[in-house]
N, C-alpha and C. Protein backbone atom coordinates (compact mmCIF):
# COMPACT_ATOMS: atom_id res chain seq x y z
N UNK A 1 1.32 17.08 1.82
CA UNK A 1 0.41 17.06 2.94
C UNK A 1 -0.82 16.22 2.59
N UNK A 2 -1.12 15.23 3.37
CA UNK A 2 -2.28 14.39 3.15
C UNK A 2 -3.51 15.05 3.78
N UNK A 3 -4.57 15.07 3.02
CA UNK A 3 -5.82 15.62 3.52
C UNK A 3 -6.67 14.47 4.04
N UNK A 4 -7.09 14.57 5.28
CA UNK A 4 -7.96 13.57 5.86
C UNK A 4 -9.32 14.22 6.07
N UNK A 5 -10.30 13.71 5.37
CA UNK A 5 -11.64 14.31 5.46
C UNK A 5 -12.69 13.24 5.25
N UNK A 6 -13.79 13.40 5.94
CA UNK A 6 -14.91 12.50 5.79
C UNK A 6 -15.37 12.47 4.33
N UNK A 7 -15.48 11.29 3.75
CA UNK A 7 -15.96 11.13 2.38
C UNK A 7 -14.87 11.11 1.33
N UNK A 8 -13.63 11.36 1.68
CA UNK A 8 -12.52 11.39 0.71
C UNK A 8 -12.21 9.97 0.25
N UNK A 9 -12.02 9.79 -1.04
CA UNK A 9 -11.58 8.50 -1.56
C UNK A 9 -10.09 8.38 -1.25
N UNK A 10 -9.72 7.25 -0.62
CA UNK A 10 -8.34 7.14 -0.14
C UNK A 10 -7.64 5.84 -0.55
N UNK A 11 -8.38 4.81 -1.00
CA UNK A 11 -7.75 3.51 -1.23
C UNK A 11 -8.47 2.79 -2.37
N UNK A 12 -7.69 2.16 -3.25
CA UNK A 12 -8.24 1.41 -4.38
C UNK A 12 -7.69 0.00 -4.37
N UNK A 13 -8.50 -0.95 -4.79
CA UNK A 13 -8.03 -2.31 -5.05
C UNK A 13 -8.27 -2.58 -6.53
N UNK A 14 -7.21 -2.95 -7.23
CA UNK A 14 -7.28 -3.19 -8.66
C UNK A 14 -7.11 -4.68 -8.91
N UNK A 15 -8.13 -5.34 -9.49
CA UNK A 15 -8.02 -6.77 -9.76
C UNK A 15 -6.96 -7.06 -10.83
N UNK A 16 -6.25 -8.15 -10.66
CA UNK A 16 -5.23 -8.56 -11.63
C UNK A 16 -5.02 -10.06 -11.57
N UNK A 17 -4.61 -10.61 -12.66
CA UNK A 17 -4.21 -12.01 -12.71
C UNK A 17 -2.71 -12.17 -12.54
N UNK A 18 -1.99 -11.03 -12.58
CA UNK A 18 -0.53 -11.06 -12.50
C UNK A 18 -0.07 -9.76 -11.84
N UNK A 19 0.24 -9.84 -10.57
CA UNK A 19 0.59 -8.64 -9.81
C UNK A 19 1.81 -7.94 -10.40
N UNK A 20 2.85 -8.67 -10.73
CA UNK A 20 4.07 -8.02 -11.24
C UNK A 20 3.80 -7.29 -12.56
N UNK A 21 2.98 -7.88 -13.43
CA UNK A 21 2.64 -7.22 -14.69
C UNK A 21 1.91 -5.90 -14.40
N UNK A 22 0.99 -5.91 -13.44
CA UNK A 22 0.28 -4.69 -13.08
C UNK A 22 1.21 -3.66 -12.45
N UNK A 23 2.10 -4.10 -11.58
CA UNK A 23 3.09 -3.19 -10.98
C UNK A 23 3.88 -2.52 -12.09
N UNK A 24 4.38 -3.30 -13.04
CA UNK A 24 5.18 -2.75 -14.14
C UNK A 24 4.37 -1.75 -14.95
N UNK A 25 3.14 -2.08 -15.29
CA UNK A 25 2.29 -1.22 -16.11
C UNK A 25 2.03 0.12 -15.42
N UNK A 26 1.52 0.08 -14.20
CA UNK A 26 1.12 1.32 -13.52
C UNK A 26 2.31 2.18 -13.11
N UNK A 27 3.44 1.56 -12.77
CA UNK A 27 4.61 2.37 -12.43
C UNK A 27 5.19 3.03 -13.67
N UNK A 28 5.21 2.33 -14.81
CA UNK A 28 5.71 2.93 -16.05
C UNK A 28 4.81 4.05 -16.55
N UNK A 29 3.50 3.84 -16.51
CA UNK A 29 2.57 4.81 -17.08
C UNK A 29 2.39 6.02 -16.17
N UNK A 30 2.17 5.79 -14.89
CA UNK A 30 1.78 6.86 -13.99
C UNK A 30 2.83 7.23 -12.94
N UNK A 31 3.90 6.47 -12.86
CA UNK A 31 4.94 6.77 -11.88
C UNK A 31 4.57 6.43 -10.45
N UNK A 32 3.58 5.55 -10.27
CA UNK A 32 3.17 5.18 -8.92
C UNK A 32 4.34 4.50 -8.22
N UNK A 33 4.49 4.76 -6.94
CA UNK A 33 5.51 4.14 -6.11
C UNK A 33 4.90 2.91 -5.45
N UNK A 34 5.69 1.85 -5.34
CA UNK A 34 5.19 0.62 -4.72
C UNK A 34 5.97 0.34 -3.44
N UNK A 35 5.34 -0.46 -2.60
CA UNK A 35 5.95 -0.86 -1.34
C UNK A 35 5.35 -2.21 -0.95
N UNK A 36 6.07 -2.95 -0.14
CA UNK A 36 5.56 -4.21 0.38
C UNK A 36 4.99 -3.95 1.76
N UNK A 37 3.72 -4.28 1.92
CA UNK A 37 3.04 -4.08 3.20
C UNK A 37 3.49 -5.15 4.20
N UNK A 38 3.10 -4.97 5.45
CA UNK A 38 3.43 -5.92 6.51
C UNK A 38 2.90 -7.32 6.24
N UNK A 39 1.77 -7.41 5.50
CA UNK A 39 1.21 -8.72 5.19
C UNK A 39 1.82 -9.34 3.94
N UNK A 40 2.81 -8.66 3.33
CA UNK A 40 3.49 -9.18 2.14
C UNK A 40 2.90 -8.74 0.82
N UNK A 41 1.73 -8.11 0.85
CA UNK A 41 1.10 -7.65 -0.39
C UNK A 41 1.85 -6.42 -0.93
N UNK A 42 1.87 -6.29 -2.26
CA UNK A 42 2.47 -5.11 -2.88
C UNK A 42 1.39 -4.04 -2.98
N UNK A 43 1.69 -2.87 -2.44
CA UNK A 43 0.76 -1.75 -2.46
C UNK A 43 1.35 -0.63 -3.31
N UNK A 44 0.51 0.35 -3.67
CA UNK A 44 0.99 1.50 -4.43
C UNK A 44 0.53 2.79 -3.78
N UNK A 45 1.28 3.83 -4.07
CA UNK A 45 0.92 5.18 -3.69
C UNK A 45 1.01 6.03 -4.94
N UNK A 46 -0.02 6.86 -5.18
CA UNK A 46 -0.02 7.67 -6.40
C UNK A 46 0.90 8.88 -6.31
N UNK A 47 1.52 9.09 -5.17
CA UNK A 47 2.42 10.21 -5.01
C UNK A 47 1.72 11.48 -4.55
N UNK A 48 0.41 11.43 -4.42
CA UNK A 48 -0.35 12.60 -3.99
C UNK A 48 -1.09 12.25 -2.70
N UNK A 49 -2.18 11.48 -2.82
CA UNK A 49 -2.95 11.15 -1.62
C UNK A 49 -3.63 9.79 -1.63
N UNK A 50 -3.64 9.10 -2.74
CA UNK A 50 -4.39 7.84 -2.82
C UNK A 50 -3.40 6.67 -2.84
N UNK A 51 -3.75 5.62 -2.11
CA UNK A 51 -2.96 4.39 -2.14
C UNK A 51 -3.89 3.23 -2.46
N UNK A 52 -3.30 2.07 -2.62
CA UNK A 52 -4.10 0.89 -2.93
C UNK A 52 -3.22 -0.31 -3.12
N UNK A 53 -3.81 -1.36 -3.66
CA UNK A 53 -3.07 -2.59 -3.93
C UNK A 53 -3.72 -3.32 -5.09
N UNK A 54 -3.01 -4.30 -5.60
CA UNK A 54 -3.55 -5.17 -6.63
C UNK A 54 -4.01 -6.44 -5.94
N UNK A 55 -5.14 -6.98 -6.35
CA UNK A 55 -5.70 -8.17 -5.73
C UNK A 55 -5.97 -9.24 -6.78
N UNK A 56 -5.75 -10.48 -6.40
CA UNK A 56 -6.02 -11.60 -7.29
C UNK A 56 -7.31 -12.27 -6.85
N UNK A 57 -7.84 -13.12 -7.73
CA UNK A 57 -9.03 -13.87 -7.39
C UNK A 57 -10.31 -13.07 -7.43
N UNK A 58 -10.29 -11.96 -8.11
CA UNK A 58 -11.47 -11.10 -8.22
C UNK A 58 -11.64 -10.75 -9.70
N UNK A 59 -12.87 -10.71 -10.20
CA UNK A 59 -13.06 -10.36 -11.61
C UNK A 59 -12.61 -8.92 -11.91
N UNK A 60 -12.11 -8.72 -13.11
CA UNK A 60 -11.69 -7.39 -13.52
C UNK A 60 -12.92 -6.50 -13.72
N UNK A 61 -12.68 -5.21 -13.72
CA UNK A 61 -13.73 -4.21 -13.97
C UNK A 61 -13.64 -3.79 -15.42
N UNK A 62 -14.17 -4.62 -16.30
CA UNK A 62 -13.98 -4.41 -17.74
C UNK A 62 -15.02 -3.50 -18.38
N UNK A 63 -16.05 -3.15 -17.66
CA UNK A 63 -17.04 -2.23 -18.20
C UNK A 63 -17.09 -0.98 -17.34
N UNK A 64 -17.38 0.16 -17.94
CA UNK A 64 -17.41 1.38 -17.15
C UNK A 64 -18.68 1.51 -16.31
N UNK A 65 -18.73 0.77 -15.22
CA UNK A 65 -19.78 0.96 -14.22
C UNK A 65 -19.28 2.06 -13.32
N UNK A 66 -18.66 1.69 -12.21
CA UNK A 66 -17.93 2.64 -11.39
C UNK A 66 -16.66 2.96 -12.17
N UNK A 67 -16.44 4.21 -12.49
CA UNK A 67 -15.30 4.58 -13.35
C UNK A 67 -14.40 5.55 -12.62
N UNK A 68 -13.15 5.19 -12.46
CA UNK A 68 -12.16 6.02 -11.79
C UNK A 68 -11.31 6.69 -12.86
N UNK A 69 -11.09 7.99 -12.70
CA UNK A 69 -10.25 8.74 -13.64
C UNK A 69 -8.92 9.06 -12.95
N UNK A 70 -7.84 8.94 -13.71
CA UNK A 70 -6.50 9.26 -13.23
C UNK A 70 -6.08 10.56 -13.91
N UNK A 71 -5.65 11.54 -13.12
CA UNK A 71 -5.21 12.82 -13.66
C UNK A 71 -3.81 12.66 -14.25
N UNK A 72 -3.63 13.20 -15.46
CA UNK A 72 -2.34 13.13 -16.15
C UNK A 72 -1.97 14.50 -16.70
N UNK A 73 -0.68 14.70 -16.96
CA UNK A 73 -0.22 15.96 -17.55
C UNK A 73 -0.66 16.08 -18.99
N UNK A 74 -0.68 14.95 -19.72
CA UNK A 74 -1.06 14.94 -21.13
C UNK A 74 -1.79 13.65 -21.46
N UNK A 75 -3.05 13.75 -21.82
CA UNK A 75 -3.80 12.55 -22.22
C UNK A 75 -3.16 11.95 -23.47
N UNK A 76 -2.76 12.78 -24.41
CA UNK A 76 -2.18 12.29 -25.66
C UNK A 76 -0.92 11.46 -25.40
N UNK A 77 0.00 11.97 -24.60
CA UNK A 77 1.24 11.24 -24.30
C UNK A 77 0.95 9.98 -23.49
N UNK A 78 -0.01 10.05 -22.58
CA UNK A 78 -0.33 8.89 -21.76
C UNK A 78 -0.96 7.79 -22.60
N UNK A 79 -1.79 8.15 -23.57
CA UNK A 79 -2.37 7.16 -24.48
C UNK A 79 -1.27 6.39 -25.19
N UNK A 80 -0.27 7.10 -25.69
CA UNK A 80 0.84 6.43 -26.39
C UNK A 80 1.60 5.48 -25.46
N UNK A 81 1.82 5.91 -24.23
CA UNK A 81 2.51 5.07 -23.26
C UNK A 81 1.69 3.84 -22.89
N UNK A 82 0.38 4.02 -22.75
CA UNK A 82 -0.50 2.88 -22.45
C UNK A 82 -0.42 1.85 -23.56
N UNK A 83 -0.53 2.30 -24.80
CA UNK A 83 -0.47 1.37 -25.94
C UNK A 83 0.88 0.68 -26.03
N UNK A 84 1.96 1.39 -25.72
CA UNK A 84 3.31 0.81 -25.79
C UNK A 84 3.60 -0.17 -24.66
N UNK A 85 2.77 -0.17 -23.62
CA UNK A 85 3.03 -1.01 -22.45
C UNK A 85 1.95 -2.05 -22.18
N UNK A 86 1.20 -2.43 -23.21
CA UNK A 86 0.27 -3.55 -23.07
C UNK A 86 -1.16 -3.20 -22.76
N UNK A 87 -1.49 -1.91 -22.68
CA UNK A 87 -2.88 -1.51 -22.48
C UNK A 87 -3.52 -1.18 -23.82
N UNK A 88 -4.81 -0.86 -23.78
CA UNK A 88 -5.49 -0.45 -25.01
C UNK A 88 -6.47 0.67 -24.70
N UNK A 89 -6.73 1.48 -25.70
CA UNK A 89 -7.65 2.61 -25.54
C UNK A 89 -9.04 2.14 -25.90
N UNK A 90 -10.00 2.36 -25.01
CA UNK A 90 -11.39 1.93 -25.24
C UNK A 90 -12.32 3.11 -25.50
N UNK A 91 -11.88 4.32 -25.19
CA UNK A 91 -12.60 5.54 -25.57
C UNK A 91 -11.54 6.59 -25.89
N UNK A 92 -11.46 7.01 -27.15
CA UNK A 92 -10.38 7.93 -27.54
C UNK A 92 -10.58 9.34 -26.99
N UNK A 93 -9.52 10.08 -27.02
CA UNK A 93 -9.54 11.50 -26.67
C UNK A 93 -10.52 12.22 -27.59
N UNK A 94 -11.32 13.11 -27.03
CA UNK A 94 -12.24 13.91 -27.84
C UNK A 94 -13.70 13.57 -27.66
N UNK A 95 -14.01 12.40 -27.16
CA UNK A 95 -15.42 11.99 -27.03
C UNK A 95 -16.15 12.88 -26.03
N UNK A 96 -15.47 13.30 -24.96
CA UNK A 96 -16.09 14.12 -23.93
C UNK A 96 -15.76 15.61 -24.09
N UNK A 97 -15.36 16.02 -25.29
CA UNK A 97 -14.97 17.42 -25.53
C UNK A 97 -16.06 18.36 -25.04
N UNK A 98 -15.68 19.48 -24.45
CA UNK A 98 -14.34 20.06 -24.43
C UNK A 98 -13.43 19.50 -23.35
N UNK A 99 -13.91 18.61 -22.48
CA UNK A 99 -13.04 17.98 -21.49
C UNK A 99 -12.01 17.10 -22.20
N UNK A 100 -10.79 17.06 -21.68
CA UNK A 100 -9.74 16.20 -22.24
C UNK A 100 -9.72 14.91 -21.44
N UNK A 101 -10.41 13.91 -21.96
CA UNK A 101 -10.48 12.61 -21.31
C UNK A 101 -10.28 11.51 -22.33
N UNK A 102 -10.01 10.34 -21.83
CA UNK A 102 -9.98 9.10 -22.62
C UNK A 102 -10.17 7.97 -21.62
N UNK A 103 -10.47 6.79 -22.12
CA UNK A 103 -10.57 5.61 -21.26
C UNK A 103 -9.65 4.54 -21.81
N UNK A 104 -9.08 3.77 -20.89
CA UNK A 104 -8.17 2.70 -21.30
C UNK A 104 -8.48 1.43 -20.53
N UNK A 105 -8.03 0.32 -21.09
CA UNK A 105 -8.06 -0.97 -20.39
C UNK A 105 -6.62 -1.34 -20.09
N UNK A 106 -6.36 -1.70 -18.84
CA UNK A 106 -5.01 -2.14 -18.47
C UNK A 106 -4.80 -3.56 -19.02
N UNK A 107 -3.63 -4.15 -18.85
CA UNK A 107 -3.38 -5.49 -19.40
C UNK A 107 -4.35 -6.57 -18.92
N UNK A 108 -5.02 -6.36 -17.78
CA UNK A 108 -6.01 -7.32 -17.30
C UNK A 108 -7.41 -7.02 -17.81
N UNK A 109 -7.60 -5.86 -18.45
CA UNK A 109 -8.91 -5.48 -18.96
C UNK A 109 -9.69 -4.52 -18.09
N UNK A 110 -9.13 -4.11 -16.94
CA UNK A 110 -9.79 -3.11 -16.10
C UNK A 110 -9.88 -1.79 -16.86
N UNK A 111 -11.07 -1.19 -16.89
CA UNK A 111 -11.27 0.08 -17.59
C UNK A 111 -11.19 1.23 -16.59
N UNK A 112 -10.32 2.20 -16.89
CA UNK A 112 -10.16 3.41 -16.10
C UNK A 112 -10.12 4.59 -17.06
N UNK A 113 -10.31 5.78 -16.51
CA UNK A 113 -10.29 6.98 -17.33
C UNK A 113 -9.03 7.79 -17.12
N UNK A 114 -8.73 8.63 -18.10
CA UNK A 114 -7.66 9.61 -18.02
C UNK A 114 -8.29 11.00 -18.07
N UNK A 115 -7.74 11.93 -17.31
CA UNK A 115 -8.25 13.29 -17.30
C UNK A 115 -7.08 14.26 -17.28
N UNK A 116 -7.13 15.25 -18.17
CA UNK A 116 -6.13 16.31 -18.23
C UNK A 116 -6.81 17.63 -17.88
N UNK A 117 -6.25 18.33 -16.90
CA UNK A 117 -6.83 19.62 -16.53
C UNK A 117 -6.65 20.62 -17.68
N UNK A 118 -7.67 21.47 -17.87
CA UNK A 118 -7.55 22.47 -18.95
C UNK A 118 -6.48 23.50 -18.65
């Protein structure tokens, strides 16, 4: 069930220099589903409530200004998957203890966070 409410974050645009590389990375790591929109762009759905797309011609978000966190079942397992699929860890697990978080850079250098519920 999708929740529609004033102020809810509902859509993300992720900068990339290579859309297919980003599709491969995010679908392998997070299981996001992709679809081709009517305008031909490849979009994603997180499987819960947020959708978005990858965009070219825009600088990556390589510093943690606005920082988006992705909820995962296991930060530890996700870190290993990120490293195995071309990403890198920029803030290791444990820095925000007792919260279970980490930050990673995707293959384009965009920095996002990981969050595991206690």
